Protein backbone atom coordinates (compact mmCIF):
# COMPACT_ATOMS: atom_id res chain seq x y z
CA UNK A 1 -190.34 -78.63 60.30
CA UNK A 2 -187.88 -76.60 62.32
CA UNK A 3 -189.44 -73.37 62.45
CA UNK A 4 -186.66 -71.34 63.72
CA UNK A 5 -184.46 -72.34 61.17
CA UNK A 6 -186.41 -70.34 58.64
CA UNK A 7 -184.05 -67.40 57.42
CA UNK A 8 -186.96 -64.74 58.17
CA UNK A 9 -187.21 -65.83 61.76
CA UNK A 10 -183.45 -65.98 62.30
CA UNK A 11 -183.38 -63.45 65.09
CA UNK A 12 -186.75 -64.39 66.74
CA UNK A 13 -186.87 -65.57 70.32
CA UNK A 14 -190.22 -67.18 71.17
CA UNK A 15 -192.29 -69.92 69.34
CA UNK A 16 -195.68 -70.93 70.55
CA UNK A 17 -197.55 -73.64 68.94
CA UNK A 18 -201.33 -72.59 68.27
CA UNK A 19 -203.73 -75.48 68.82
CA UNK A 20 -206.80 -73.95 67.52
CA UNK A 21 -209.14 -74.02 64.53
CA UNK A 22 -209.90 -76.78 61.85
CA UNK A 23 -207.25 -76.23 59.44
CA UNK A 24 -204.63 -78.87 58.55
CA UNK A 25 -201.93 -76.20 58.73
CA UNK A 26 -199.50 -76.24 61.74
CA UNK A 27 -199.61 -72.73 63.32
CA UNK A 28 -196.97 -71.11 65.36
CA UNK A 29 -197.02 -67.50 66.97
CA UNK A 30 -193.54 -66.11 66.90
CA UNK A 31 -192.37 -63.47 69.05
CA UNK A 32 -196.09 -62.60 69.55
CA UNK A 33 -195.47 -60.75 66.18
CA UNK A 34 -195.75 -63.35 63.54
CA UNK A 35 -198.15 -66.23 62.57
CA UNK A 36 -196.39 -69.09 60.83
CA UNK A 37 -198.67 -71.39 58.85
CA UNK A 38 -197.02 -74.56 57.73
CA UNK A 39 -198.99 -76.37 55.08
CA UNK A 40 -198.86 -80.19 54.60
CA UNK A 41 -198.11 -79.73 51.02
CA UNK A 42 -195.31 -78.35 48.89
CA UNK A 43 -197.68 -76.22 46.91
CA UNK A 44 -195.97 -72.68 47.16
CA UNK A 45 -198.03 -71.39 44.11
CA UNK A 46 -201.28 -71.59 45.98
CA UNK A 47 -199.95 -69.88 48.88
CA UNK A 48 -198.70 -67.21 46.66
CA UNK A 49 -201.92 -66.49 45.39
CA UNK A 50 -203.39 -66.21 48.67
CA UNK A 51 -200.68 -63.58 49.72
CA UNK A 52 -201.23 -61.54 46.68
CA UNK A 53 -204.97 -61.10 47.48
CA UNK A 54 -204.51 -60.79 51.16
CA UNK A 55 -202.01 -58.06 50.73
CA UNK A 56 -204.21 -56.42 48.32
CA UNK A 57 -206.87 -56.24 50.87
CA UNK A 58 -204.49 -55.47 53.86
CA UNK A 59 -203.63 -52.27 51.80
CA UNK A 60 -207.20 -50.88 52.28
CA UNK A 61 -208.19 -52.70 55.42
CA UNK A 62 -205.61 -53.10 58.33
CA UNK A 63 -207.64 -55.49 60.22
CA UNK A 64 -206.69 -58.06 57.60
CA UNK A 65 -203.18 -59.60 58.29
CA UNK A 66 -200.12 -58.80 56.14
CA UNK A 67 -198.33 -61.53 54.51
CA UNK A 68 -194.41 -61.00 55.00
CA UNK A 69 -193.15 -64.25 53.22
CA UNK A 70 -194.16 -67.36 51.46
CA UNK A 71 -191.70 -69.98 50.91
CA UNK A 72 -190.64 -73.66 51.02
CA UNK A 73 -188.52 -75.15 53.88
CA UNK A 74 -187.47 -78.82 54.33
CA UNK A 75 -190.51 -80.12 52.15
CA UNK A 76 -193.04 -77.95 53.63
CA UNK A 77 -194.69 -74.75 52.18
CA UNK A 78 -195.15 -72.06 54.79
CA UNK A 79 -196.42 -68.48 55.06
CA UNK A 80 -195.64 -65.88 57.55
CA UNK A 81 -198.09 -63.25 58.44
CA UNK A 82 -198.84 -60.45 61.16
CA UNK A 83 -199.83 -62.16 64.33
CA UNK A 84 -203.16 -60.34 65.14
CA UNK A 85 -204.06 -60.21 69.14
CA UNK A 86 -207.29 -61.26 70.09
CA UNK A 87 -209.71 -64.03 71.32
CA UNK A 88 -211.87 -66.28 68.87
CA UNK A 89 -215.32 -64.68 68.27
CA UNK A 90 -217.29 -67.72 68.54
CA UNK A 91 -216.22 -68.12 72.15
CA UNK A 92 -216.33 -64.57 72.99
CA UNK A 93 -219.49 -63.23 71.40
CA UNK A 94 -221.91 -64.86 73.66
CA UNK A 95 -220.46 -63.56 76.57
CA UNK A 96 -221.02 -60.00 75.69
CA UNK A 97 -223.81 -57.59 75.78
CA UNK A 98 -226.30 -57.27 72.90
CA UNK A 99 -224.96 -53.78 72.23
CA UNK A 100 -221.33 -54.97 72.06
CA UNK A 101 -222.31 -57.91 69.90
CA UNK A 102 -224.05 -55.75 67.39
CA UNK A 103 -221.28 -53.20 67.43
CA UNK A 104 -218.59 -55.77 66.61
CA UNK A 105 -220.83 -57.17 63.95
CA UNK A 106 -220.96 -53.41 62.33
CA UNK A 107 -216.93 -53.43 62.37
CA UNK A 108 -216.97 -56.77 60.73
CA UNK A 109 -219.41 -55.70 58.09
CA UNK A 110 -217.29 -52.65 57.17
CA UNK A 111 -214.29 -54.79 56.93
CA UNK A 112 -216.12 -57.06 54.57
CA UNK A 113 -217.28 -54.18 52.44
CA UNK A 114 -213.58 -52.90 52.11
CA UNK A 115 -212.47 -56.38 51.05
CA UNK A 116 -215.28 -56.61 48.37
CA UNK A 117 -214.42 -53.35 46.83
CA UNK A 118 -211.58 -55.11 45.02
CA UNK A 119 -212.74 -56.31 41.50
CA UNK A 120 -211.69 -59.48 39.85
CA UNK A 121 -209.58 -59.22 36.74
CA UNK A 122 -211.52 -59.23 33.47
CA UNK A 123 -210.41 -62.68 32.45
CA UNK A 124 -211.77 -64.37 35.54
CA UNK A 125 -214.59 -66.82 34.76
CA UNK A 126 -218.22 -65.37 34.90
CA UNK A 127 -219.90 -65.95 38.35
CA UNK A 128 -223.05 -67.14 36.41
CA UNK A 129 -220.81 -69.79 34.59
CA UNK A 130 -219.12 -71.01 37.71
CA UNK A 131 -222.03 -71.22 40.10
CA UNK A 132 -224.52 -72.57 37.43
CA UNK A 133 -222.18 -75.40 36.87
CA UNK A 134 -221.74 -75.81 40.73
CA UNK A 135 -225.54 -76.35 41.05
CA UNK A 136 -225.55 -78.62 38.45
CA UNK A 137 -222.92 -80.90 39.99
CA UNK A 138 -224.42 -80.72 43.37
CA UNK A 139 -228.13 -81.17 42.40
CA UNK A 140 -228.24 -85.00 41.61
CA UNK A 141 -226.22 -85.88 44.67
CA UNK A 142 -228.52 -83.83 46.92
CA UNK A 143 -231.44 -85.16 45.45
CA UNK A 144 -230.47 -88.62 46.19
CA UNK A 145 -230.16 -87.56 49.86
CA UNK A 146 -233.44 -85.89 49.80
CA UNK A 147 -235.36 -88.40 47.90
CA UNK A 148 -237.62 -89.29 50.82
CA UNK A 149 -237.78 -85.96 52.41
CA UNK A 150 -240.27 -83.52 50.51
CA UNK A 151 -239.24 -80.61 52.64
CA UNK A 152 -235.73 -81.03 51.51
CA UNK A 153 -236.75 -81.40 47.89
CA UNK A 154 -238.38 -78.18 47.83
CA UNK A 155 -235.23 -76.50 48.68
CA UNK A 156 -233.69 -77.95 45.55
CA UNK A 157 -236.63 -76.76 43.44
CA UNK A 158 -236.37 -73.26 44.86
CA UNK A 159 -232.60 -73.28 43.80
CA UNK A 160 -233.57 -74.52 40.35
CA UNK A 161 -236.23 -71.68 39.92
CA UNK A 162 -233.87 -68.82 40.95
CA UNK A 163 -230.89 -69.43 38.99
CA UNK A 164 -231.49 -66.62 36.89
CA UNK A 165 -230.39 -64.26 39.70
CA UNK A 166 -226.64 -65.33 38.94
CA UNK A 167 -227.03 -63.35 35.57
CA UNK A 168 -224.56 -60.35 35.53
CA UNK A 169 -223.41 -60.80 38.94
CA UNK A 170 -219.86 -59.31 39.80
CA UNK A 171 -216.86 -60.97 41.02
CA UNK A 172 -214.84 -59.33 43.82
CA UNK A 173 -212.33 -60.61 46.49
CA UNK A 174 -214.08 -62.24 49.32
CA UNK A 175 -212.96 -64.18 52.26
CA UNK A 176 -215.13 -67.18 51.50
CA UNK A 177 -215.06 -68.88 54.83
CA UNK A 178 -216.74 -66.10 57.03
CA UNK A 179 -217.90 -67.18 60.46
CA UNK A 180 -217.38 -66.08 64.13
CA UNK A 181 -214.27 -68.48 64.55
CA UNK A 182 -212.52 -66.56 61.98
CA UNK A 183 -212.79 -63.22 63.79
CA UNK A 184 -210.89 -61.92 66.65
CA UNK A 185 -211.83 -59.76 69.72
CA UNK A 186 -209.93 -57.74 71.95
CA UNK A 187 -211.32 -55.30 74.54
CA UNK A 188 -214.75 -55.66 72.99
CA UNK A 189 -213.36 -54.34 69.57
CA UNK A 190 -212.91 -56.34 66.30
CA UNK A 191 -209.26 -56.82 65.83
CA UNK A 192 -208.94 -58.94 62.64
CA UNK A 193 -210.40 -61.40 60.34
CA UNK A 194 -208.14 -64.37 59.90
CA UNK A 195 -207.72 -67.71 58.22
CA UNK A 196 -207.59 -66.53 54.57
CA UNK A 197 -206.66 -69.72 52.81
CA UNK A 198 -209.84 -69.61 51.06
CA UNK A 199 -209.76 -65.96 49.87
CA UNK A 200 -211.01 -65.91 46.12
CA UNK A 201 -213.05 -63.95 43.60
CA UNK A 202 -217.08 -64.23 43.81
CA UNK A 203 -220.12 -62.39 44.18
CA UNK A 204 -219.93 -60.34 47.23
CA UNK A 205 -223.46 -61.38 48.52
CA UNK A 206 -222.17 -64.85 48.48
CA UNK A 207 -219.98 -64.11 51.50
CA UNK A 208 -223.01 -64.22 53.67
CA UNK A 209 -223.84 -67.69 52.64
CA UNK A 210 -222.97 -69.27 56.05
CA UNK A 211 -225.01 -66.78 58.04
CA UNK A 212 -227.74 -69.23 59.27
CA UNK A 213 -225.42 -72.14 59.76
CA UNK A 214 -222.49 -70.57 61.81
CA UNK A 215 -223.18 -66.99 62.59
CA UNK A 216 -226.75 -66.54 63.57
CA UNK A 217 -226.69 -69.48 66.01
CA UNK A 218 -223.62 -67.77 67.66
CA UNK A 219 -225.26 -64.36 67.87
CA UNK A 220 -228.35 -62.62 66.25
CA UNK A 221 -227.13 -59.19 67.31
CA UNK A 222 -223.70 -59.73 65.88
CA UNK A 223 -225.26 -61.20 62.79
CA UNK A 224 -227.57 -58.04 62.32
CA UNK A 225 -224.55 -55.81 62.90
CA UNK A 226 -222.56 -57.32 60.14
CA UNK A 227 -225.29 -56.92 57.67
CA UNK A 228 -226.10 -53.16 58.87
CA UNK A 229 -222.32 -52.40 58.83
CA UNK A 230 -221.74 -53.92 55.62
CA UNK A 231 -224.69 -51.72 54.16
CA UNK A 232 -223.23 -48.61 56.02
CA UNK A 233 -226.51 -48.53 57.94
CA UNK A 234 -228.53 -47.69 54.92
CA UNK A 235 -231.77 -49.48 54.09
CA UNK A 236 -230.82 -52.91 52.81
CA UNK A 237 -232.05 -53.43 49.03
CA UNK A 238 -234.28 -56.52 48.34
CA UNK A 239 -231.78 -57.30 45.90
CA UNK A 240 -229.44 -58.34 48.65
CA UNK A 241 -231.96 -60.63 50.43
CA UNK A 242 -233.21 -62.25 47.30
CA UNK A 243 -229.33 -63.30 46.78
CA UNK A 244 -228.67 -64.27 50.15
CA UNK A 245 -231.81 -66.24 50.33
CA UNK A 246 -230.50 -68.21 47.06
CA UNK A 247 -227.05 -68.68 48.49
CA UNK A 248 -228.61 -69.88 51.93
CA UNK A 249 -230.59 -72.56 50.01
CA UNK A 250 -227.42 -73.56 47.72
CA UNK A 251 -225.42 -73.91 50.93
CA UNK A 252 -227.92 -76.33 52.27
CA UNK A 253 -227.42 -78.38 49.15
CA UNK A 254 -223.53 -78.28 49.58
CA UNK A 255 -223.50 -78.83 53.30
CA UNK A 256 -225.77 -81.78 53.07
CA UNK A 257 -223.53 -83.34 50.32
CA UNK A 258 -220.48 -82.84 52.29
CA UNK A 259 -222.15 -84.33 55.54
CA UNK A 260 -223.41 -87.40 53.58
CA UNK A 261 -220.50 -88.16 51.39
CA UNK A 262 -217.41 -87.05 53.26
CA UNK A 263 -217.83 -86.10 56.78
CA UNK A 264 -220.39 -88.74 58.16
CA UNK A 265 -219.95 -87.97 61.77
CA UNK A 266 -221.50 -84.32 61.00
CA UNK A 267 -224.92 -85.60 59.63
CA UNK A 268 -226.85 -84.75 62.51
CA UNK A 269 -225.04 -81.55 63.29
CA UNK A 270 -225.73 -80.34 59.68
CA UNK A 271 -229.29 -81.64 59.69
CA UNK A 272 -229.91 -79.33 62.54
CA UNK A 273 -228.45 -76.19 60.84
CA UNK A 274 -230.33 -77.19 57.62
CA UNK A 275 -233.74 -77.11 59.51
CA UNK A 276 -232.64 -73.98 61.30
CA UNK A 277 -232.04 -72.29 57.92
CA UNK A 278 -235.24 -73.66 56.56
CA UNK A 279 -237.13 -72.41 59.47
CA UNK A 280 -235.68 -68.92 59.28
CA UNK A 281 -236.87 -68.53 55.75
CA UNK A 282 -240.10 -70.49 56.06
CA UNK A 283 -238.97 -72.98 53.48
CA UNK A 284 -237.75 -69.91 51.38
CA UNK A 285 -241.24 -68.17 51.13
CA UNK A 286 -239.94 -65.43 53.20
CA UNK A 287 -237.40 -62.88 51.50
CA UNK A 288 -235.86 -61.82 54.63
CA UNK A 289 -234.91 -64.28 57.39
CA UNK A 290 -236.69 -64.32 60.75
CA UNK A 291 -233.51 -63.63 62.59
CA UNK A 292 -233.29 -60.11 60.91
CA UNK A 293 -236.68 -59.07 61.27
CA UNK A 294 -238.05 -60.61 64.60
CA UNK A 295 -237.88 -58.86 67.79
CA UNK A 296 -235.53 -60.70 70.15
CA UNK A 297 -236.34 -58.48 73.34
CA UNK A 298 -232.94 -57.22 73.62
């Protein structure tokens, strides 16, 4: 696809290919001002939905990029967003002091809180319906994987015993792919939350379902800061931890199914994350994970 020929970019001068991230999109930085994402599909309608939600969040949270245009050019759907300056959080966080990591986490938590203030339309399917069905679909596939592992099977039992927690849960805008690789850091400050392709409506607490897999292993200080900042540094209600524990357990189901059915080369990596998550909750007997409560010595 000839990016400079997109009419919106007619007067732009510099084009730099970005070879980062796991997305199938091709990404270009244009004039250090715009980020162009080129989709492998022609589905403009899906990008339009992403743009609508993303811009609604940008209106109340400037660290979310603004979408300038969505279109179709030479058989490829594309999106043009603000280019946000910063380095990948997964790489940057471990190089910073505990205090800086924690402060960045607080800033990210505040951004998530702002994002989650936008409610889903009233005609959106209820969270209870959607996620009860999700667990129903995952359970037999996970059970087959865990058949000879009593510890893994206890995770499934825990999930099935706590599905009542879905009842009455709200649906608000959430990023839905929250991990340090999707935050940007510049001069020891959080500058942006990016990669909005999965933006959707859901239970706000579900946003944190990847904490034990992809956030905590990178930085405990940052992860604590995210949770504290999200709660405006007020005492964290037990309802948050009860739901987070459930979503962390469900993520084990989905991650193990994904690793065993689709991404076979990730099996050992995800097994390590699964065991780490179970250890953090003492096989889900603990309400609050160890990474939040235990003294790290920092």
